[in-house]
Amino acid sequence: MTKEPIITISDLRMNYGTGPDILKGINLSIYPGQIIGYIGPNGAGKSTTVKILLGIINKYRGEIKIFGKDILEDGVEYKKRIGYVPETAEIYENLTAHEYLTFLGEIYEMESEKASNKAKKLMELFGIKEHYYSRISSYSKGMKQKLLIIASLIHNPDILFLDEPLGGLDANSVMIFKEILAQLAEQGKTIFYSSHIMEIVEKISHRILLINDGQIVADGTFEELKEKSMEGSLEQIFNQLTGFTKHKEIADEFVSVLQEV
């Protein structure tokens, strides 16, 4: 039996009030268990799409269904089943991790003690348990990123939105996190992964969506995209489809300027 899509986007259009549409008719069906690599140049509409799916922006045209329901009609309930790691996040740094994660767990209707115990175990697995009762303001960038990842997952969401989630993580933590994503996908979780790090997107994604100028210009597995474009890497495919071919020329000029006396 064919799975029903967990996210359906129909003719999604968005305009901030001046100039042309930012999104120009996005149509997508996303299924349980997929890791979606969502890529595109700055200004292409990636962040706008994610903010609409999260319910942060609701002044759009078109229709979006998540878990089979229109998100404008199911504005609160569906959010209980999603997690989000933003590229830049405002954390309550005057709180301890214990206070912050327990507070979030309670928002997701978890019992306080259960949320605290789960948070402590997750922090231990990420190697930061000894900082559980420390103020977040004392954390390094990598520790804060681990905290954000735990915060996004503590309620065991069915859909996870990730925007550059690896910033500040050490190599071992990156390997752990990639394995976590793979296992969550195997369990039927859907992961929407947005990043400029093409090598990571290429390796972890079951399906890659490339948005350019408000439109999806490529949709498929890495092997399918490579076959269509006759390019060897996702970075080369990205450059071909977005029309950016001057990276070497610009780099040459940049280095030349550095060498000027």
C-alpha atoms as a PDB file:
ATOM      1  CA  MET A   1       0.000   0.000   0.000  1.00  0.00           C
ATOM      2  CA  THR A   2       1.330   3.452  -0.924  1.00  0.00           C
ATOM      3  CA  LYS A   3       2.004   5.703   2.040  1.00  0.00           C
ATOM      4  CA  GLU A   4       0.001   8.880   2.359  1.00  0.00           C
ATOM      5  CA  PRO A   5       2.116  12.057   2.238  1.00  0.00           C
ATOM      6  CA  ILE A   6       2.873  13.592   5.609  1.00  0.00           C
ATOM      7  CA  ILE A   7       3.327  17.055   4.023  1.00  0.00           C
ATOM      8  CA  THR A   8       1.447  18.258   0.940  1.00  0.00           C
ATOM      9  CA  ILE A   9       2.189  21.657  -0.604  1.00  0.00           C
ATOM     10  CA  SER A  10      -0.070  22.899  -3.399  1.00  0.00           C
ATOM     11  CA  ASP A  11       0.698  25.997  -5.507  1.00  0.00           C
ATOM     12  CA  LEU A  12       2.454  27.763  -2.631  1.00  0.00           C
ATOM     13  CA  ARG A  13       3.087  31.426  -3.349  1.00  0.00           C
ATOM     14  CA  MET A  14       4.422  34.131  -1.080  1.00  0.00           C
ATOM     15  CA  ASN A  15       4.960  37.855  -1.417  1.00  0.00           C
ATOM     16  CA  TYR A  16       6.244  40.188   1.286  1.00  0.00           C
ATOM     17  CA  GLY A  17       4.284  43.094  -0.208  1.00  0.00           C
ATOM     18  CA  THR A  18       6.828  44.627  -2.554  1.00  0.00           C
ATOM     19  CA  GLY A  19       8.353  43.254  -5.725  1.00  0.00           C
ATOM     20  CA  PRO A  20       7.788  39.828  -7.287  1.00  0.00           C
ATOM     21  CA  ASP A  21       6.709  36.696  -5.433  1.00  0.00           C
ATOM     22  CA  ILE A  22       9.349  35.053  -3.254  1.00  0.00           C
ATOM     23  CA  LEU A  23       7.726  31.656  -3.817  1.00  0.00           C
ATOM     24  CA  LYS A  24       6.272  31.090  -7.266  1.00  0.00           C
ATOM     25  CA  GLY A  25       4.075  28.008  -7.132  1.00  0.00           C
ATOM     26  CA  ILE A  26       5.692  25.254  -5.040  1.00  0.00           C
ATOM     27  CA  ASN A  27       4.073  21.817  -5.355  1.00  0.00           C
ATOM     28  CA  LEU A  28       5.430  18.976  -3.217  1.00  0.00           C
ATOM     29  CA  SER A  29       4.390  15.745  -1.542  1.00  0.00           C
ATOM     30  CA  ILE A  30       6.705  14.537   1.222  1.00  0.00           C
ATOM     31  CA  TYR A  31       6.391  11.087   2.765  1.00  0.00           C
ATOM     32  CA  PRO A  32       7.126   9.488   6.148  1.00  0.00           C
ATOM     33  CA  GLY A  33      10.673   8.203   6.542  1.00  0.00           C
ATOM     34  CA  GLN A  34      12.223  10.589   4.017  1.00  0.00           C
ATOM     35  CA  ILE A  35      15.280  12.720   4.729  1.00  0.00           C
ATOM     36  CA  ILE A  36      14.731  15.723   2.467  1.00  0.00           C
ATOM     37  CA  GLY A  37      17.758  17.817   1.556  1.00  0.00           C
ATOM     38  CA  TYR A  38      16.401  21.305   0.842  1.00  0.00           C
ATOM     39  CA  ILE A  39      19.004  23.464  -0.858  1.00  0.00           C
ATOM     40  CA  GLY A  40      19.230  26.672  -2.845  1.00  0.00           C
ATOM     41  CA  PRO A  41      21.130  29.963  -3.052  1.00  0.00           C
ATOM     42  CA  ASN A  42      20.481  32.798  -0.621  1.00  0.00           C
ATOM     43  CA  GLY A  43      17.196  34.527  -1.425  1.00  0.00           C
ATOM     44  CA  ALA A  44      15.806  31.525  -3.322  1.00  0.00           C
ATOM     45  CA  GLY A  45      12.970  30.966  -0.837  1.00  0.00           C
ATOM     46  CA  LYS A  46      14.325  28.208   1.445  1.00  0.00           C
ATOM     47  CA  SER A  47      13.837  29.988   4.755  1.00  0.00           C
ATOM     48  CA  THR A  48      10.460  31.372   3.667  1.00  0.00           C
ATOM     49  CA  THR A  49       9.239  27.862   2.850  1.00  0.00           C
ATOM     50  CA  VAL A  50      10.360  26.487   6.215  1.00  0.00           C
ATOM     51  CA  LYS A  51       8.850  29.404   8.154  1.00  0.00           C
ATOM     52  CA  ILE A  52       5.523  28.844   6.412  1.00  0.00           C
ATOM     53  CA  LEU A  53       5.597  25.119   7.213  1.00  0.00           C
ATOM     54  CA  LEU A  54       6.365  25.956  10.849  1.00  0.00           C
ATOM     55  CA  GLY A  55       3.445  28.378  11.031  1.00  0.00           C
ATOM     56  CA  ILE A  56       5.695  31.389  11.634  1.00  0.00           C
ATOM     57  CA  ILE A  57       4.437  32.997   8.395  1.00  0.00           C
ATOM     58  CA  ASN A  58       0.754  32.618   7.502  1.00  0.00           C
ATOM     59  CA  LYS A  59       0.269  35.294   4.840  1.00  0.00           C
ATOM     60  CA  TYR A  60       0.717  32.973   1.896  1.00  0.00           C
ATOM     61  CA  ARG A  61      -1.340  31.750  -1.055  1.00  0.00           C
ATOM     62  CA  GLY A  62      -1.933  28.110  -1.816  1.00  0.00           C
ATOM     63  CA  GLU A  63      -2.566  25.174   0.484  1.00  0.00           C
ATOM     64  CA  ILE A  64      -0.383  23.262   2.934  1.00  0.00           C
ATOM     65  CA  LYS A  65      -1.471  20.082   4.673  1.00  0.00           C
ATOM     66  CA  ILE A  66       0.566  18.435   7.401  1.00  0.00           C
ATOM     67  CA  PHE A  67      -0.673  15.142   8.864  1.00  0.00           C
ATOM     68  CA  GLY A  68      -3.581  15.452   6.421  1.00  0.00           C
ATOM     69  CA  LYS A  69      -4.917  18.748   7.789  1.00  0.00           C
ATOM     70  CA  ASP A  70      -4.652  22.329   6.540  1.00  0.00           C
ATOM     71  CA  ILE A  71      -2.151  24.060   8.822  1.00  0.00           C
ATOM     72  CA  LEU A  72      -4.232  27.247   8.894  1.00  0.00           C
ATOM     73  CA  GLU A  73      -7.064  25.246  10.450  1.00  0.00           C
ATOM     74  CA  ASP A  74      -4.874  23.062  12.673  1.00  0.00           C
ATOM     75  CA  GLY A  75      -2.512  25.775  13.806  1.00  0.00           C
ATOM     76  CA  VAL A  76      -1.576  24.429  17.234  1.00  0.00           C
ATOM     77  CA  GLU A  77      -2.118  20.681  17.181  1.00  0.00           C
ATOM     78  CA  TYR A  78       0.284  19.867  14.354  1.00  0.00           C
ATOM     79  CA  LYS A  79       3.074  21.846  16.042  1.00  0.00           C
ATOM     80  CA  LYS A  80       3.061  19.381  18.934  1.00  0.00           C
ATOM     81  CA  ARG A  81       4.398  16.793  16.504  1.00  0.00           C
ATOM     82  CA  ILE A  82       7.224  18.780  14.907  1.00  0.00           C
ATOM     83  CA  GLY A  83      10.710  19.796  16.014  1.00  0.00           C
ATOM     84  CA  TYR A  84      12.906  22.618  14.752  1.00  0.00           C
ATOM     85  CA  VAL A  85      16.584  23.535  14.910  1.00  0.00           C
ATOM     86  CA  PRO A  86      16.972  27.074  13.481  1.00  0.00           C
ATOM     87  CA  GLU A  87      20.203  28.386  11.997  1.00  0.00           C
ATOM     88  CA  THR A  88      20.331  31.071  14.665  1.00  0.00           C
ATOM     89  CA  ALA A  89      18.272  30.675  17.808  1.00  0.00           C
ATOM     90  CA  GLU A  90      17.390  32.820  20.769  1.00  0.00           C
ATOM     91  CA  ILE A  91      17.956  30.686  23.876  1.00  0.00           C
ATOM     92  CA  TYR A  92      17.021  31.750  27.398  1.00  0.00           C
ATOM     93  CA  GLU A  93      20.668  31.888  28.481  1.00  0.00           C
ATOM     94  CA  ASN A  94      19.873  32.888  32.048  1.00  0.00           C
ATOM     95  CA  LEU A  95      18.291  29.450  32.523  1.00  0.00           C
ATOM     96  CA  THR A  96      20.089  26.187  33.183  1.00  0.00           C
ATOM     97  CA  ALA A  97      19.740  23.351  30.690  1.00  0.00           C
ATOM     98  CA  HIS A  98      17.597  21.573  33.286  1.00  0.00           C
ATOM     99  CA  GLU A  99      15.215  24.532  33.495  1.00  0.00           C
ATOM    100  CA  TYR A 100      15.158  25.119  29.743  1.00  0.00           C
ATOM    101  CA  LEU A 101      14.591  21.534  28.623  1.00  0.00           C
ATOM    102  CA  THR A 102      12.090  20.756  31.372  1.00  0.00           C
ATOM    103  CA  PHE A 103      10.161  23.906  30.443  1.00  0.00           C
ATOM    104  CA  LEU A 104      10.069  22.839  26.779  1.00  0.00           C
ATOM    105  CA  GLY A 105       9.009  19.328  27.736  1.00  0.00           C
ATOM    106  CA  GLU A 106       6.095  20.730  29.722  1.00  0.00           C
ATOM    107  CA  ILE A 107       5.059  22.862  26.726  1.00  0.00           C
ATOM    108  CA  TYR A 108       4.825  19.600  24.780  1.00  0.00           C
ATOM    109  CA  GLU A 109       2.648  18.196  27.592  1.00  0.00           C
ATOM    110  CA  MET A 110       5.322  15.945  29.071  1.00  0.00           C
ATOM    111  CA  GLU A 111       5.432  15.400  32.827  1.00  0.00           C
ATOM    112  CA  SER A 112       8.137  17.548  34.400  1.00  0.00           C
ATOM    113  CA  GLU A 113      10.069  14.662  35.946  1.00  0.00           C
ATOM    114  CA  LYS A 114       9.904  12.603  32.752  1.00  0.00           C
ATOM    115  CA  ALA A 115      11.130  15.549  30.678  1.00  0.00           C
ATOM    116  CA  SER A 116      13.999  16.178  33.109  1.00  0.00           C
ATOM    117  CA  ASN A 117      15.090  12.534  33.182  1.00  0.00           C
ATOM    118  CA  LYS A 118      14.980  12.267  29.400  1.00  0.00           C
ATOM    119  CA  ALA A 119      16.899  15.542  28.980  1.00  0.00           C
ATOM    120  CA  LYS A 120      19.616  14.399  31.384  1.00  0.00           C
ATOM    121  CA  LYS A 121      20.055  11.091  29.520  1.00  0.00           C
ATOM    122  CA  LEU A 122      20.226  12.839  26.145  1.00  0.00           C
ATOM    123  CA  MET A 123      22.801  15.325  27.441  1.00  0.00           C
ATOM    124  CA  GLU A 124      24.869  12.440  28.791  1.00  0.00           C
ATOM    125  CA  LEU A 125      24.826  10.744  25.388  1.00  0.00           C
ATOM    126  CA  PHE A 126      25.965  14.013  23.808  1.00  0.00           C
ATOM    127  CA  GLY A 127      28.786  14.324  26.379  1.00  0.00           C
ATOM    128  CA  ILE A 128      27.493  17.396  28.229  1.00  0.00           C
ATOM    129  CA  LYS A 129      25.671  15.896  31.239  1.00  0.00           C
ATOM    130  CA  GLU A 130      27.995  17.629  33.705  1.00  0.00           C
ATOM    131  CA  HIS A 131      26.629  20.972  32.484  1.00  0.00           C
ATOM    132  CA  TYR A 132      22.977  20.060  33.028  1.00  0.00           C
ATOM    133  CA  TYR A 133      22.600  22.431  35.968  1.00  0.00           C
ATOM    134  CA  SER A 134      24.888  25.148  34.553  1.00  0.00           C
ATOM    135  CA  ARG A 135      23.616  28.411  33.079  1.00  0.00           C
ATOM    136  CA  ILE A 136      23.369  28.237  29.314  1.00  0.00           C
ATOM    137  CA  SER A 137      25.262  31.540  29.127  1.00  0.00           C
ATOM    138  CA  SER A 138      28.395  29.602  30.158  1.00  0.00           C
ATOM    139  CA  TYR A 139      28.087  27.149  27.234  1.00  0.00           C
ATOM    140  CA  SER A 140      30.373  27.062  24.206  1.00  0.00           C
ATOM    141  CA  LYS A 141      28.866  27.347  20.719  1.00  0.00           C
ATOM    142  CA  GLY A 142      29.017  23.586  20.238  1.00  0.00           C
ATOM    143  CA  MET A 143      27.326  22.912  23.580  1.00  0.00           C
ATOM    144  CA  LYS A 144      24.516  25.324  22.720  1.00  0.00           C
ATOM    145  CA  GLN A 145      24.042  23.556  19.394  1.00  0.00           C
ATOM    146  CA  LYS A 146      23.781  20.196  21.146  1.00  0.00           C
ATOM    147  CA  LEU A 147      21.231  21.722  23.498  1.00  0.00           C
ATOM    148  CA  LEU A 148      19.162  22.997  20.552  1.00  0.00           C
ATOM    149  CA  ILE A 149      19.208  19.546  18.953  1.00  0.00           C
ATOM    150  CA  ILE A 150      18.057  17.926  22.208  1.00  0.00           C
ATOM    151  CA  ALA A 151      15.356  20.591  22.596  1.00  0.00           C
ATOM    152  CA  SER A 152      14.036  19.860  19.102  1.00  0.00           C
ATOM    153  CA  LEU A 153      13.837  16.111  19.757  1.00  0.00           C
ATOM    154  CA  ILE A 154      12.861  15.771  23.412  1.00  0.00           C
ATOM    155  CA  HIS A 155       9.167  15.249  22.597  1.00  0.00           C
ATOM    156  CA  ASN A 156       9.967  12.627  19.911  1.00  0.00           C
ATOM    157  CA  PRO A 157       8.453  14.584  16.973  1.00  0.00           C
ATOM    158  CA  ASP A 158       7.224  13.002  13.747  1.00  0.00           C
ATOM    159  CA  ILE A 159       8.704  15.763  11.564  1.00  0.00           C
ATOM    160  CA  LEU A 160      12.027  17.465  12.195  1.00  0.00           C
ATOM    161  CA  PHE A 161      13.032  20.721  10.483  1.00  0.00           C
ATOM    162  CA  LEU A 162      16.778  21.385  10.521  1.00  0.00           C
ATOM    163  CA  ASP A 163      18.414  24.606   9.306  1.00  0.00           C
ATOM    164  CA  GLU A 164      22.236  24.317   9.314  1.00  0.00           C
ATOM    165  CA  PRO A 165      22.129  22.086  12.427  1.00  0.00           C
ATOM    166  CA  LEU A 166      25.827  21.157  12.533  1.00  0.00           C
ATOM    167  CA  GLY A 167      27.294  24.583  13.336  1.00  0.00           C
ATOM    168  CA  GLY A 168      29.850  24.315  16.138  1.00  0.00           C
ATOM    169  CA  LEU A 169      29.665  20.521  16.485  1.00  0.00           C
ATOM    170  CA  ASP A 170      32.883  18.499  16.694  1.00  0.00           C
ATOM    171  CA  ALA A 171      33.541  15.662  14.240  1.00  0.00           C
ATOM    172  CA  ASN A 172      32.414  12.912  16.634  1.00  0.00           C
ATOM    173  CA  SER A 173      29.138  14.702  17.392  1.00  0.00           C
ATOM    174  CA  VAL A 174      28.477  15.183  13.669  1.00  0.00           C
ATOM    175  CA  MET A 175      28.865  11.416  13.131  1.00  0.00           C
ATOM    176  CA  ILE A 176      26.520  10.692  16.050  1.00  0.00           C
ATOM    177  CA  PHE A 177      23.933  13.161  14.778  1.00  0.00           C
ATOM    178  CA  LYS A 178      24.013  11.772  11.228  1.00  0.00           C
ATOM    179  CA  GLU A 179      23.413   8.282  12.637  1.00  0.00           C
ATOM    180  CA  ILE A 180      20.548   9.611  14.799  1.00  0.00           C
ATOM    181  CA  LEU A 181      18.897  11.059  11.673  1.00  0.00           C
ATOM    182  CA  ALA A 182      19.292   7.794   9.777  1.00  0.00           C
ATOM    183  CA  GLN A 183      17.698   5.799  12.607  1.00  0.00           C
ATOM    184  CA  LEU A 184      14.837   8.289  13.024  1.00  0.00           C
ATOM    185  CA  ALA A 185      14.106   8.029   9.299  1.00  0.00           C
ATOM    186  CA  GLU A 186      14.072   4.238   9.578  1.00  0.00           C
ATOM    187  CA  GLN A 187      11.406   4.626  12.269  1.00  0.00           C
ATOM    188  CA  GLY A 188       9.258   6.634   9.830  1.00  0.00           C
ATOM    189  CA  LYS A 189      10.194  10.135  10.986  1.00  0.00           C
ATOM    190  CA  THR A 190      10.384  12.810   8.282  1.00  0.00           C
ATOM    191  CA  ILE A 191      13.417  15.106   8.274  1.00  0.00           C
ATOM    192  CA  PHE A 192      13.535  18.383   6.349  1.00  0.00           C
ATOM    193  CA  TYR A 193      17.228  19.301   6.184  1.00  0.00           C
ATOM    194  CA  SER A 194      18.348  22.696   4.888  1.00  0.00           C
ATOM    195  CA  SER A 195      22.054  23.404   4.527  1.00  0.00           C
ATOM    196  CA  HIS A 196      24.729  24.987   2.357  1.00  0.00           C
ATOM    197  CA  ILE A 197      27.131  22.117   3.138  1.00  0.00           C
ATOM    198  CA  MET A 198      26.605  20.093  -0.017  1.00  0.00           C
ATOM    199  CA  GLU A 199      28.696  17.098   1.054  1.00  0.00           C
ATOM    200  CA  ILE A 200      26.431  16.464   4.069  1.00  0.00           C
ATOM    201  CA  VAL A 201      23.220  16.909   2.069  1.00  0.00           C
ATOM    202  CA  GLU A 202      24.553  14.576  -0.613  1.00  0.00           C
ATOM    203  CA  LYS A 203      25.379  11.826   1.890  1.00  0.00           C
ATOM    204  CA  ILE A 204      22.361  11.849   4.201  1.00  0.00           C
ATOM    205  CA  SER A 205      19.427  12.741   1.923  1.00  0.00           C
ATOM    206  CA  HIS A 206      17.019  10.237   0.426  1.00  0.00           C
ATOM    207  CA  ARG A 207      15.632  13.002  -1.755  1.00  0.00           C
ATOM    208  CA  ILE A 208      17.077  16.385  -2.702  1.00  0.00           C
ATOM    209  CA  LEU A 209      14.989  19.447  -3.528  1.00  0.00           C
ATOM    210  CA  LEU A 210      16.724  22.395  -5.158  1.00  0.00           C
ATOM    211  CA  ILE A 211      14.885  25.704  -5.081  1.00  0.00           C
ATOM    212  CA  ASN A 212      15.986  28.624  -7.227  1.00  0.00           C
ATOM    213  CA  ASP A 213      14.179  31.938  -7.693  1.00  0.00           C
ATOM    214  CA  GLY A 214      11.123  30.704  -5.816  1.00  0.00           C
ATOM    215  CA  GLN A 215      10.674  27.498  -7.821  1.00  0.00           C
ATOM    216  CA  ILE A 216      11.716  23.864  -7.421  1.00  0.00           C
ATOM    217  CA  VAL A 217      14.167  23.243 -10.248  1.00  0.00           C
ATOM    218  CA  ALA A 218      15.316  19.753  -9.235  1.00  0.00           C
ATOM    219  CA  ASP A 219      13.717  16.939  -7.247  1.00  0.00           C
ATOM    220  CA  GLY A 220      15.151  13.456  -6.861  1.00  0.00           C
ATOM    221  CA  THR A 221      17.819  11.267  -5.305  1.00  0.00           C
ATOM    222  CA  PHE A 222      21.422  12.345  -5.686  1.00  0.00           C
ATOM    223  CA  GLU A 223      21.945   9.596  -8.278  1.00  0.00           C
ATOM    224  CA  GLU A 224      18.911  10.776 -10.258  1.00  0.00           C
ATOM    225  CA  LEU A 225      20.070  14.402 -10.213  1.00  0.00           C
ATOM    226  CA  LYS A 226      23.591  13.371 -11.209  1.00  0.00           C
ATOM    227  CA  GLU A 227      22.261  11.336 -14.126  1.00  0.00           C
ATOM    228  CA  LYS A 228      20.129  14.221 -15.406  1.00  0.00           C
ATOM    229  CA  SER A 229      22.840  16.858 -15.159  1.00  0.00           C
ATOM    230  CA  MET A 230      25.876  14.695 -16.014  1.00  0.00           C
ATOM    231  CA  GLU A 231      27.754  16.298 -13.121  1.00  0.00           C
ATOM    232  CA  GLY A 232      29.828  14.466 -10.511  1.00  0.00           C
ATOM    233  CA  SER A 233      28.982  16.169  -7.219  1.00  0.00           C
ATOM    234  CA  LEU A 234      25.979  17.877  -5.671  1.00  0.00           C
ATOM    235  CA  GLU A 235      27.951  21.123  -5.591  1.00  0.00           C
ATOM    236  CA  GLN A 236      28.492  20.913  -9.360  1.00  0.00           C
ATOM    237  CA  ILE A 237      24.812  20.085  -9.934  1.00  0.00           C
ATOM    238  CA  PHE A 238      23.850  23.027  -7.717  1.00  0.00           C
ATOM    239  CA  ASN A 239      26.092  25.409  -9.666  1.00  0.00           C
ATOM    240  CA  GLN A 240      24.779  24.171 -13.010  1.00  0.00           C
ATOM    241  CA  LEU A 241      21.099  24.451 -12.104  1.00  0.00           C
ATOM    242  CA  THR A 242      21.405  27.834 -10.388  1.00  0.00           C
ATOM    243  CA  GLY A 243      23.586  29.279 -13.124  1.00  0.00           C
ATOM    244  CA  PHE A 244      26.517  30.044 -10.824  1.00  0.00           C
ATOM    245  CA  THR A 245      29.714  29.236 -12.705  1.00  0.00           C
ATOM    246  CA  LYS A 246      32.071  32.035 -11.668  1.00  0.00           C
ATOM    247  CA  HIS A 247      33.354  30.623  -8.359  1.00  0.00           C
ATOM    248  CA  LYS A 248      36.869  29.926  -9.689  1.00  0.00           C
ATOM    249  CA  GLU A 249      37.070  33.278 -11.491  1.00  0.00           C
ATOM    250  CA  ILE A 250      36.024  35.177  -8.356  1.00  0.00           C
ATOM    251  CA  ALA A 251      38.451  33.166  -6.198  1.00  0.00           C
ATOM    252  CA  ASP A 252      41.288  33.894  -8.628  1.00  0.00           C
ATOM    253  CA  GLU A 253      40.568  37.635  -8.454  1.00  0.00           C
ATOM    254  CA  PHE A 254      40.239  37.513  -4.658  1.00  0.00           C
ATOM    255  CA  VAL A 255      43.638  35.849  -4.254  1.00  0.00           C
ATOM    256  CA  SER A 256      45.116  38.268  -6.782  1.00  0.00           C
ATOM    257  CA  VAL A 257      43.967  41.247  -4.722  1.00  0.00           C
ATOM    258  CA  LEU A 258      45.467  39.689  -1.588  1.00  0.00           C
ATOM    259  CA  GLN A 259      48.828  39.544  -3.313  1.00  0.00           C
ATOM    260  CA  GLU A 260      48.812  43.198  -4.372  1.00  0.00           C
ATOM    261  CA  VAL A 261      51.614  45.268  -2.891  1.00  0.00           C
END
